[in-house]
Structures are given as structure tokens and as C-alpha cells.
Amino acid sequence: MKDIRLLVVDDEENIRILFKEELEDEGYIVDVAASGEEAIEKIKENHFDLIILDIKMPGMDGITVLNKIKNMNKEQPVILCSAYGEFRQDFSSWVSDAYVVKSADLHELKETIKNLLHL
């Protein structure tokens, strides 16, 4: 696997740590951001092959971040990852490339990443 860079955006530190460790174990290079504002700054400064984005965050929520990302680069793959399944029906989340319900079992997230990156 070539150097595939992922950005995990979540306001919960334990989620950022879990996702980072699990995805690094899969061979990805993983950066993290604790807020939408931090994510936007990192995206402006770095290239990421895929972004994993929480929806419910204080300050700039994930839907707003998603729209900013897609305005900067409409081809940027983004997975919305939320503990709240009801956002799947929210049309504003449809701009994302995939939607995964957050879980301690990261199998679905890992498979979604592989599918989006054609691995």
C-alpha cells in the first residue's frame, strides 16, 4: 500500500486515539483534528486521500465542515462518521461519499475506506 493519508476529525479524544491507532495498524498515515476549524486548517496545509468526519461537534459542526471541504475540492473523499444514525436521512449529509455509524467495531469504517480508495 502506498502512503495513504487520512484525516480523522472528532471532538472526542478517545475516538481520535482509537481511530488513529486502528487505522495506523492497517498501514495508513493518520492525522487527527479535534474541531472543524482545526480540520480546515490542516486540509489547507496538507493533502489527505480521505477524511473521516464526525457530525456533532461544538463550534463548526461536521455538515458545515463537509460543505467547506467540498467547496475547496469537490473530489475530496469524505466519510461522515456519527453515533447518530438519523443523520443518514438528512439530505445535507448526502454530499459526503459515505456514511458510517460510529462504533467501537471499526470493520464497517475500514471496509468503507478500502471501497472509496479502491484498495
Protein backbone atom coordinates (compact mmCIF):
# COMPACT_ATOMS: atom_id res chain seq x y z
CA MET A 1 0.00 0.00 0.00
CA LYS A 2 1.43 3.38 -0.95
CA ASP A 3 1.43 6.15 1.66
CA ILE A 4 -2.28 6.83 2.07
CA ARG A 5 -3.00 9.82 4.30
CA LEU A 6 -6.20 10.01 6.32
CA LEU A 7 -7.55 12.82 8.49
CA VAL A 8 -9.80 11.90 11.42
CA VAL A 9 -11.92 14.80 12.69
CA ASP A 10 -13.70 14.22 16.00
CA ASP A 11 -14.13 16.30 19.15
CA GLU A 12 -13.86 13.20 21.38
CA GLU A 13 -10.23 12.45 22.20
CA ASN A 14 -10.83 8.73 22.85
CA ILE A 15 -12.38 8.36 19.38
CA ARG A 16 -9.45 10.16 17.75
CA ILE A 17 -6.99 7.87 19.56
CA LEU A 18 -8.95 4.69 18.74
CA PHE A 19 -9.38 5.55 15.06
CA LYS A 20 -5.73 6.67 14.71
CA GLU A 21 -4.33 3.50 16.30
CA GLU A 22 -6.65 1.12 14.42
CA LEU A 23 -6.11 2.79 11.05
CA GLU A 24 -2.34 3.05 11.51
CA ASP A 25 -2.38 -0.69 12.23
CA GLU A 26 -3.94 -1.06 8.76
CA GLY A 27 -0.96 0.80 7.25
CA TYR A 28 -2.44 4.28 6.80
CA ILE A 29 -0.75 7.54 7.78
CA VAL A 30 -3.28 9.18 10.12
CA ASP A 31 -3.53 12.78 11.27
CA VAL A 32 -6.22 13.99 13.66
CA ALA A 33 -8.15 17.20 14.30
CA ALA A 34 -10.27 17.98 17.37
CA SER A 35 -12.52 20.54 15.70
CA GLY A 36 -13.89 21.62 12.36
CA GLU A 37 -11.75 24.73 12.43
CA GLU A 38 -8.57 22.70 13.04
CA ALA A 39 -9.56 20.31 10.25
CA ILE A 40 -9.99 23.12 7.71
CA GLU A 41 -6.52 24.48 8.58
CA LYS A 42 -4.93 21.03 8.20
CA ILE A 43 -6.71 20.46 4.88
CA LYS A 44 -5.42 23.80 3.57
CA GLU A 45 -1.84 22.82 4.52
CA ASN A 46 -1.80 19.11 3.62
CA HIS A 47 -3.13 16.59 1.12
CA PHE A 48 -5.34 13.83 2.51
CA ASP A 49 -6.52 10.88 0.46
CA LEU A 50 -9.63 10.61 2.62
CA ILE A 51 -11.25 12.47 5.52
CA ILE A 52 -13.30 10.84 8.29
CA LEU A 53 -15.57 13.46 9.80
CA ASP A 54 -17.78 13.48 12.89
CA ILE A 55 -21.05 15.41 12.57
CA LYS A 56 -21.88 16.59 16.10
CA MET A 57 -19.04 18.83 17.23
CA PRO A 58 -19.03 22.10 19.15
CA GLY A 59 -18.32 25.18 17.09
CA MET A 60 -18.30 24.25 13.42
CA ASP A 61 -20.36 21.07 13.01
CA GLY A 62 -19.46 18.31 10.59
CA ILE A 63 -22.03 19.27 7.95
CA THR A 64 -20.56 22.78 7.77
CA VAL A 65 -17.04 21.34 7.58
CA LEU A 66 -18.17 18.91 4.86
CA ASN A 67 -19.55 21.77 2.77
CA LYS A 68 -16.33 23.79 3.20
CA ILE A 69 -14.22 20.78 2.20
CA LYS A 70 -16.32 20.13 -0.91
CA ASN A 71 -16.18 23.83 -1.84
CA MET A 72 -12.37 23.64 -1.69
CA ASN A 73 -12.18 20.33 -3.56
CA LYS A 74 -15.36 18.61 -4.70
CA GLU A 75 -13.37 15.42 -5.46
CA GLN A 76 -12.09 15.05 -1.85
CA PRO A 77 -13.45 11.76 -0.44
CA VAL A 78 -15.20 12.30 2.90
CA ILE A 79 -16.80 9.72 5.18
CA LEU A 80 -19.27 11.09 7.69
CA CYS A 81 -19.00 9.07 10.88
CA SER A 82 -21.55 9.71 13.60
CA ALA A 83 -23.04 7.90 16.56
CA TYR A 84 -26.40 9.18 15.36
CA GLY A 85 -27.90 7.11 12.56
CA GLU A 86 -30.68 9.61 11.87
CA PHE A 87 -28.23 11.87 10.01
CA ARG A 88 -28.12 9.25 7.25
CA GLN A 89 -31.56 10.51 6.11
CA ASP A 90 -30.57 14.20 6.40
CA PHE A 91 -30.14 15.42 2.82
CA SER A 92 -27.28 17.72 3.89
CA SER A 93 -25.19 14.61 4.66
CA TRP A 94 -25.66 13.28 1.13
CA VAL A 95 -22.78 15.44 -0.10
CA SER A 96 -20.44 13.01 1.66
CA ASP A 97 -19.08 9.98 -0.16
CA ALA A 98 -20.21 7.59 2.57
CA TYR A 99 -21.89 7.50 5.96
CA VAL A 100 -20.83 5.14 8.75
CA VAL A 101 -22.46 4.88 12.17
CA LYS A 102 -19.71 5.24 14.79
CA SER A 103 -18.90 2.06 16.65
CA ALA A 104 -16.06 0.51 18.65
CA ASP A 105 -16.01 -2.14 15.90
CA LEU A 106 -14.27 -0.38 13.02
CA HIS A 107 -14.87 -3.13 10.44
CA GLU A 108 -17.51 -1.12 8.51
CA LEU A 109 -15.34 2.01 8.55
CA LYS A 110 -12.27 0.10 7.34
CA GLU A 111 -14.24 -1.55 4.53
CA THR A 112 -15.73 1.80 3.51
CA ILE A 113 -12.25 3.35 3.36
CA LYS A 114 -11.00 0.50 1.17
CA ASN A 115 -14.00 0.80 -1.15
CA LEU A 116 -13.69 4.57 -1.56
CA LEU A 117 -9.95 4.38 -2.19
CA HIS A 118 -10.35 1.35 -4.49
CA LEU A 119 -7.94 -0.77 -2.42
